[in-house]
Amino acid sequence: MDESKLYAYCLQGDVIAAYKYLRSVPDKNAKFLELESKYYQRFFSENPNDRFKSEDPWIQKVLSFYFEYFRSVLTHKSVIYSENRLRLSLSELIYGHQQDEELDRLEEQLSIQFKEKGYEFVGGVTPPYRGPYIWKTTDKENFTVELPHHTQKVTVYFLSDFILQSWAHYATFGEKFAGGWAKPDGLYYVADRPEHKKENQDCREFQISYLKHEAQHFSDFSRFPHLQAKDLEYRAKLVELIYEPNSFKLINKFYYEKKNDPFLPHSYSSLVILKRLSELAFGVEEIPSLEKWEKLSSDRIREWALGLYEENTAKLMENGNQIRGII
């Protein structure tokens, strides 16, 4: 079974396709039989058995409302319908009755109440779905990051003791998750990881796929403050390719992520990058098989990535810092 394919479906917000793929695989070993059972129990049974990383009854209620929302949107129910149910549940918990309050406002109230309980709460949307990050411990460290043509100073906040890591973590049973994010005040890094995904600060995954990727976002926030998420991801993924010694490692990741949906910034930017690299490497826009990519020189891919990055930067600068995007 191809785990990359399984989790790619999940990260595209399609747990139904992921489960169908799991069921279609013949001669599954014990690990994947267990995984098939876990997906059924969480997303398709009448009585899903959710586990909570807190004994606090109020926190458990909040988590249960988000889990219900995750199950709903990840199994193709309307986002509007799912968000409305979440909104009504949260308003009743916060105010004691159902109230016509926007979700952003409700999550502001949740943030205050979680702070009183010793937790940080960051709400909002991790495209395309809503889903907060809730954690207890924050440490910080300053870095100077080399990017194409300049260096960027950043503060990284290391986050641990999570009780919720948004929808992607829920959709993949913790196998895939947002490793971090950038905000105007600094970079945030998820230090809570499964043992096989733990990183030290010297490893390429931390230095390139996290630190350079997010530092590029941080730089773009000030240079091009109105860029859409898909354009931000396009530029940050190109930076990864520019610095990654083993280009095929990233190409393989982008290949399984790709999807022609601008509302999925990671998947859409991966598609655009592969199409543009295909034109440079093979003379066609159609994306070839992974076997052909594996034969390409990493040096050439890094050169092409740098060219695409510089071309994109030049176009953005020509249009001024009010531009929202060009891919």
Protein backbone atom coordinates (compact mmCIF):
# COMPACT_ATOMS: atom_id res chain seq x y z
CA MET A 1 0.00 0.00 0.00
CA ASP A 2 1.21 3.50 -0.83
CA GLU A 3 0.95 5.52 2.38
CA SER A 4 1.78 8.75 0.53
CA LYS A 5 -1.33 8.27 -1.60
CA LEU A 6 -3.49 7.52 1.43
CA TYR A 7 -2.44 10.62 3.33
CA ALA A 8 -2.55 12.80 0.22
CA TYR A 9 -6.30 12.10 0.03
CA CYS A 10 -6.63 13.11 3.69
CA LEU A 11 -4.68 16.35 3.25
CA GLN A 12 -6.91 17.20 0.30
CA GLY A 13 -9.83 16.99 2.72
CA ASP A 14 -11.22 13.73 1.31
CA VAL A 15 -11.33 11.02 3.96
CA ILE A 16 -13.94 9.11 1.93
CA ALA A 17 -11.42 8.64 -0.89
CA ALA A 18 -8.74 7.70 1.65
CA TYR A 19 -10.98 5.05 3.21
CA LYS A 20 -11.99 3.66 -0.19
CA TYR A 21 -8.32 3.39 -1.09
CA LEU A 22 -7.57 1.59 2.18
CA ARG A 23 -10.37 -0.89 1.55
CA SER A 24 -9.24 -1.52 -2.01
CA VAL A 25 -5.75 -2.65 -1.03
CA PRO A 26 -5.44 -6.46 -1.19
CA ASP A 27 -3.54 -8.58 1.35
CA LYS A 28 -3.22 -5.87 3.98
CA ASN A 29 -0.85 -6.56 6.86
CA ALA A 30 -1.87 -6.13 10.50
CA LYS A 31 -0.84 -2.46 10.56
CA PHE A 32 -3.10 -1.49 7.67
CA LEU A 33 -5.98 -3.68 8.82
CA GLU A 34 -5.83 -1.76 12.11
CA LEU A 35 -5.68 1.54 10.20
CA GLU A 36 -8.75 0.60 8.16
CA SER A 37 -10.61 -0.16 11.38
CA LYS A 38 -9.52 3.15 12.94
CA TYR A 39 -10.77 5.13 9.94
CA TYR A 40 -14.10 3.35 10.03
CA GLN A 41 -14.55 3.92 13.77
CA ARG A 42 -13.60 7.60 13.63
CA PHE A 43 -15.37 8.73 10.46
CA PHE A 44 -18.12 6.27 9.53
CA SER A 45 -19.46 4.56 12.64
CA GLU A 46 -22.53 5.86 14.44
CA ASN A 47 -20.64 6.16 17.75
CA PRO A 48 -17.09 7.36 17.11
CA ASN A 49 -14.80 6.80 20.08
CA ASP A 50 -12.89 10.06 20.48
CA ARG A 51 -10.08 10.40 22.99
CA PHE A 52 -9.38 13.66 24.78
CA LYS A 53 -6.00 14.86 26.01
CA SER A 54 -7.62 16.57 28.97
CA GLU A 55 -9.71 15.55 31.97
CA ASP A 56 -11.44 18.97 32.07
CA PRO A 57 -15.15 18.48 31.13
CA TRP A 58 -15.41 21.97 29.56
CA ILE A 59 -12.33 21.36 27.38
CA GLN A 60 -13.69 17.96 26.38
CA LYS A 61 -16.91 19.63 25.18
CA VAL A 62 -14.98 22.12 23.06
CA LEU A 63 -12.85 19.35 21.55
CA SER A 64 -15.92 17.21 20.84
CA PHE A 65 -17.54 20.07 18.90
CA TYR A 66 -14.45 20.44 16.73
CA PHE A 67 -14.14 16.68 16.23
CA GLU A 68 -17.74 16.60 15.02
CA TYR A 69 -16.96 19.46 12.63
CA PHE A 70 -13.84 17.67 11.32
CA ARG A 71 -15.80 14.47 10.66
CA SER A 72 -18.46 16.46 8.86
CA VAL A 73 -16.28 18.42 6.43
CA LEU A 74 -13.85 15.54 5.83
CA THR A 75 -16.70 13.29 4.71
CA HIS A 76 -18.07 15.78 2.16
CA LYS A 77 -20.79 17.45 4.16
CA SER A 78 -21.31 21.13 3.33
CA VAL A 79 -18.78 23.46 4.92
CA ILE A 80 -21.54 26.02 5.51
CA TYR A 81 -23.73 23.41 7.23
CA SER A 82 -20.78 22.11 9.27
CA GLU A 83 -19.62 25.55 10.38
CA ASN A 84 -23.15 26.53 11.34
CA ARG A 85 -23.48 23.49 13.61
CA LEU A 86 -20.10 24.29 15.16
CA ARG A 87 -21.12 27.92 15.65
CA LEU A 88 -24.36 27.00 17.42
CA SER A 89 -22.65 24.45 19.67
CA LEU A 90 -19.89 26.85 20.70
CA SER A 91 -22.28 29.77 21.29
CA GLU A 92 -24.45 27.64 23.57
CA LEU A 93 -21.38 26.56 25.54
CA ILE A 94 -19.98 30.10 25.84
CA TYR A 95 -23.19 32.10 26.38
CA GLY A 96 -25.55 29.46 27.72
CA HIS A 97 -27.82 29.67 24.68
CA GLN A 98 -27.53 29.52 20.90
CA GLN A 99 -26.57 32.93 19.59
CA ASP A 100 -26.06 34.38 16.12
CA GLU A 101 -22.34 35.02 16.59
CA GLU A 102 -19.56 34.69 13.99
CA LEU A 103 -17.10 31.86 14.48
CA ASP A 104 -14.12 34.22 14.58
CA ARG A 105 -15.71 36.07 17.46
CA LEU A 106 -16.57 32.83 19.26
CA GLU A 107 -12.98 31.66 18.91
CA GLU A 108 -11.78 34.94 20.40
CA GLN A 109 -13.88 34.11 23.46
CA LEU A 110 -12.50 30.56 23.51
CA SER A 111 -8.96 31.94 23.44
CA ILE A 112 -9.66 33.99 26.58
CA GLN A 113 -11.20 31.05 28.42
CA PHE A 114 -8.41 28.65 27.42
CA LYS A 115 -5.86 31.21 28.62
CA GLU A 116 -7.54 31.14 32.03
CA LYS A 117 -7.04 27.37 32.05
CA GLY A 118 -3.34 27.66 31.17
CA TYR A 119 -3.55 26.99 27.43
CA GLU A 120 -2.86 28.96 24.26
CA PHE A 121 -5.59 28.82 21.61
CA VAL A 122 -5.08 29.86 17.98
CA GLY A 123 -8.26 29.62 15.92
CA GLY A 124 -9.07 30.46 12.33
CA VAL A 125 -8.68 28.44 9.15
CA THR A 126 -5.91 26.13 8.01
CA PRO A 127 -7.11 26.04 4.38
CA PRO A 128 -9.57 24.84 3.47
CA TYR A 129 -11.05 24.05 6.89
CA ARG A 130 -11.33 25.63 10.31
CA GLY A 131 -9.53 24.04 13.20
CA PRO A 132 -7.66 25.45 16.17
CA TYR A 133 -4.28 24.68 17.70
CA ILE A 134 -4.38 24.38 21.48
CA TRP A 135 -1.21 23.90 23.55
CA LYS A 136 0.25 24.60 27.00
CA THR A 137 4.02 25.24 26.71
CA THR A 138 5.89 27.84 24.63
CA ASP A 139 9.66 28.38 24.40
CA LYS A 140 11.44 30.73 22.02
CA GLU A 141 14.75 31.14 20.20
CA ASN A 142 16.14 33.64 17.67
CA PHE A 143 17.55 32.61 14.26
CA THR A 144 19.14 34.29 11.25
CA VAL A 145 17.99 32.49 8.09
CA GLU A 146 19.63 32.62 4.66
CA LEU A 147 17.12 33.11 1.85
CA PRO A 148 17.72 33.87 -1.85
CA HIS A 149 19.46 37.27 -2.03
CA HIS A 150 19.02 38.20 1.65
CA THR A 151 19.01 36.98 5.23
CA GLN A 152 16.00 37.12 7.51
CA LYS A 153 16.05 37.40 11.30
CA VAL A 154 13.21 35.55 12.99
CA THR A 155 12.01 34.52 16.42
CA VAL A 156 10.81 30.90 16.58
CA TYR A 157 8.29 29.90 19.22
CA PHE A 158 8.53 26.18 20.04
CA LEU A 159 5.11 24.80 21.01
CA SER A 160 4.47 21.64 23.02
CA ASP A 161 1.88 19.85 25.17
CA PHE A 162 -0.86 20.06 22.54
CA ILE A 163 -4.42 18.91 23.10
CA LEU A 164 -5.55 19.75 19.54
CA GLN A 165 -3.61 20.21 16.29
CA SER A 166 -6.35 21.13 13.78
CA TRP A 167 -8.00 19.01 11.11
CA ALA A 168 -5.02 17.50 9.24
CA HIS A 169 -3.69 15.87 12.40
CA TYR A 170 -7.17 14.51 13.13
CA ALA A 171 -7.62 13.26 9.55
CA THR A 172 -4.37 11.28 9.59
CA PHE A 173 -4.28 10.08 13.20
CA GLY A 174 -1.30 12.33 13.85
CA GLU A 175 0.76 11.10 10.91
CA LYS A 176 0.50 14.43 9.05
CA PHE A 177 0.09 17.86 10.59
CA ALA A 178 1.08 21.48 10.25
CA GLY A 179 4.70 21.52 11.36
CA GLY A 180 4.48 25.22 12.04
CA TRP A 181 3.33 28.52 10.67
CA ALA A 182 4.41 32.12 10.26
CA LYS A 183 2.75 35.18 11.75
CA PRO A 184 3.83 38.84 11.73
CA ASP A 185 5.30 38.46 15.23
CA GLY A 186 7.42 35.40 14.44
CA LEU A 187 7.48 31.72 13.47
CA TYR A 188 5.70 28.96 15.35
CA TYR A 189 7.07 25.40 15.45
CA VAL A 190 5.14 22.33 16.57
CA ALA A 191 7.56 20.48 18.84
CA ASP A 192 5.03 17.74 19.74
CA ARG A 193 5.66 14.98 17.16
CA PRO A 194 5.54 11.20 16.91
CA GLU A 195 8.90 9.63 17.77
CA HIS A 196 9.68 8.82 14.11
CA LYS A 197 9.07 12.46 13.12
CA LYS A 198 11.07 14.23 15.82
CA GLU A 199 13.65 16.68 14.45
CA ASN A 200 16.78 18.29 15.85
CA GLN A 201 17.65 21.81 14.77
CA ASP A 202 20.53 20.67 12.57
CA CYS A 203 18.52 18.31 10.36
CA ARG A 204 17.50 19.30 6.83
CA GLU A 205 13.80 18.96 7.61
CA PHE A 206 14.04 21.65 10.29
CA GLN A 207 16.55 23.90 8.52
CA ILE A 208 14.92 23.77 5.06
CA SER A 209 11.35 22.49 5.10
CA TYR A 210 10.50 24.40 8.25
CA LEU A 211 12.89 27.29 8.92
CA LYS A 212 13.54 28.50 5.36
CA HIS A 213 9.96 27.84 4.27
CA GLU A 214 8.44 29.82 7.15
CA ALA A 215 11.13 32.54 7.06
CA GLN A 216 10.17 33.11 3.42
CA HIS A 217 6.57 33.62 4.53
CA PHE A 218 7.76 36.01 7.23
CA SER A 219 9.75 38.01 4.66
CA ASP A 220 6.85 38.09 2.21
CA PHE A 221 4.45 39.36 4.87
CA SER A 222 6.35 42.65 4.90
CA ARG A 223 7.35 42.81 1.21
CA PHE A 224 4.00 41.70 -0.28
CA PRO A 225 1.47 41.95 2.58
CA HIS A 226 -1.61 41.10 0.51
CA LEU A 227 -0.41 37.87 -1.13
CA GLN A 228 -2.89 35.00 -1.12
CA ALA A 229 -1.98 31.74 0.61
CA LYS A 230 -1.40 29.88 -2.67
CA ASP A 231 1.18 32.46 -3.78
CA LEU A 232 2.90 32.42 -0.40
CA GLU A 233 3.14 28.64 -0.57
CA TYR A 234 4.44 28.72 -4.15
CA ARG A 235 7.32 30.97 -3.15
CA ALA A 236 8.15 29.09 0.05
CA LYS A 237 8.14 25.70 -1.69
CA LEU A 238 10.48 27.05 -4.36
CA VAL A 239 12.83 28.15 -1.59
CA GLU A 240 12.78 24.60 -0.24
CA LEU A 241 13.76 23.29 -3.68
CA ILE A 242 16.54 25.88 -4.01
CA TYR A 243 18.25 24.63 -0.83
CA GLU A 244 17.33 20.93 -0.67
CA PRO A 245 20.30 18.73 -1.78
CA ASN A 246 18.03 15.78 -2.62
CA SER A 247 15.49 17.45 -4.91
CA PHE A 248 13.61 14.23 -5.63
CA LYS A 249 12.60 14.00 -1.97
CA LEU A 250 10.57 17.20 -2.37
CA ILE A 251 9.40 16.38 -5.90
CA ASN A 252 7.95 13.13 -4.58
CA LYS A 253 6.15 15.02 -1.80
CA PHE A 254 4.78 17.66 -4.21
CA TYR A 255 3.70 14.94 -6.65
CA TYR A 256 1.35 13.35 -4.13
CA GLU A 257 0.16 16.71 -2.74
CA LYS A 258 -0.78 18.24 -6.10
CA LYS A 259 -4.40 19.13 -6.84
CA ASN A 260 -5.98 21.71 -9.13
CA ASP A 261 -7.84 23.55 -6.38
CA PRO A 262 -6.73 27.09 -5.43
CA PHE A 263 -8.57 26.73 -2.11
CA LEU A 264 -5.96 24.11 -1.12
CA PRO A 265 -2.83 26.32 -1.09
CA HIS A 266 -0.30 23.55 -0.45
CA SER A 267 -1.77 21.19 -3.04
CA TYR A 268 -2.33 23.89 -5.66
CA SER A 269 1.15 25.41 -5.31
CA SER A 270 2.69 21.93 -5.65
CA LEU A 271 0.73 21.45 -8.89
CA VAL A 272 1.89 24.80 -10.32
CA ILE A 273 5.52 24.13 -9.42
CA LEU A 274 5.51 20.66 -11.01
CA LYS A 275 3.85 21.97 -14.19
CA ARG A 276 6.40 24.75 -14.56
CA LEU A 277 9.32 22.44 -13.82
CA SER A 278 7.89 19.96 -16.35
CA GLU A 279 8.05 22.64 -19.03
CA LEU A 280 11.67 23.35 -18.16
CA ALA A 281 12.79 19.74 -17.77
CA PHE A 282 10.70 17.88 -20.35
CA GLY A 283 9.31 20.59 -22.63
CA VAL A 284 5.69 19.76 -21.74
CA GLU A 285 3.23 21.10 -19.16
CA GLU A 286 1.81 17.64 -18.47
CA ILE A 287 3.44 16.26 -15.32
CA PRO A 288 5.32 13.01 -16.06
CA SER A 289 5.69 9.96 -13.81
CA LEU A 290 7.92 9.98 -10.76
CA GLU A 291 10.37 7.63 -12.51
CA LYS A 292 11.28 10.42 -14.94
CA TRP A 293 11.72 12.97 -12.17
CA GLU A 294 14.06 10.63 -10.32
CA LYS A 295 16.51 10.72 -13.24
CA LEU A 296 16.90 14.49 -13.15
CA SER A 297 19.93 16.17 -11.60
CA SER A 298 19.27 17.88 -8.26
CA ASP A 299 21.59 20.70 -9.36
CA ARG A 300 19.41 21.40 -12.41
CA ILE A 301 16.22 21.33 -10.38
CA ARG A 302 17.71 23.80 -7.89
CA GLU A 303 18.72 26.09 -10.78
CA TRP A 304 15.23 25.95 -12.30
CA ALA A 305 13.64 26.58 -8.91
CA LEU A 306 15.81 29.64 -8.38
CA GLY A 307 14.86 30.91 -11.84
CA LEU A 308 11.15 30.48 -11.11
CA TYR A 309 11.54 32.21 -7.75
CA GLU A 310 13.36 35.17 -9.26
CA GLU A 311 10.83 35.42 -12.09
CA ASN A 312 7.98 35.43 -9.58
CA THR A 313 9.70 38.03 -7.40
CA ALA A 314 10.28 40.33 -10.38
CA LYS A 315 6.61 40.12 -11.39
CA LEU A 316 5.47 40.89 -7.86
CA MET A 317 7.78 43.89 -7.62
CA GLU A 318 6.55 45.21 -10.96
CA ASN A 319 2.98 45.19 -9.65
CA GLY A 320 3.68 46.85 -6.30
CA ASN A 321 3.09 45.65 -2.76
CA GLN A 322 -0.70 45.75 -3.06
CA ILE A 323 -0.74 42.71 -5.37
CA ARG A 324 -2.70 39.69 -4.15
CA GLY A 325 -1.12 37.04 -6.38
CA ILE A 326 -0.08 35.91 -9.82
CA ILE A 327 -0.21 32.10 -9.91
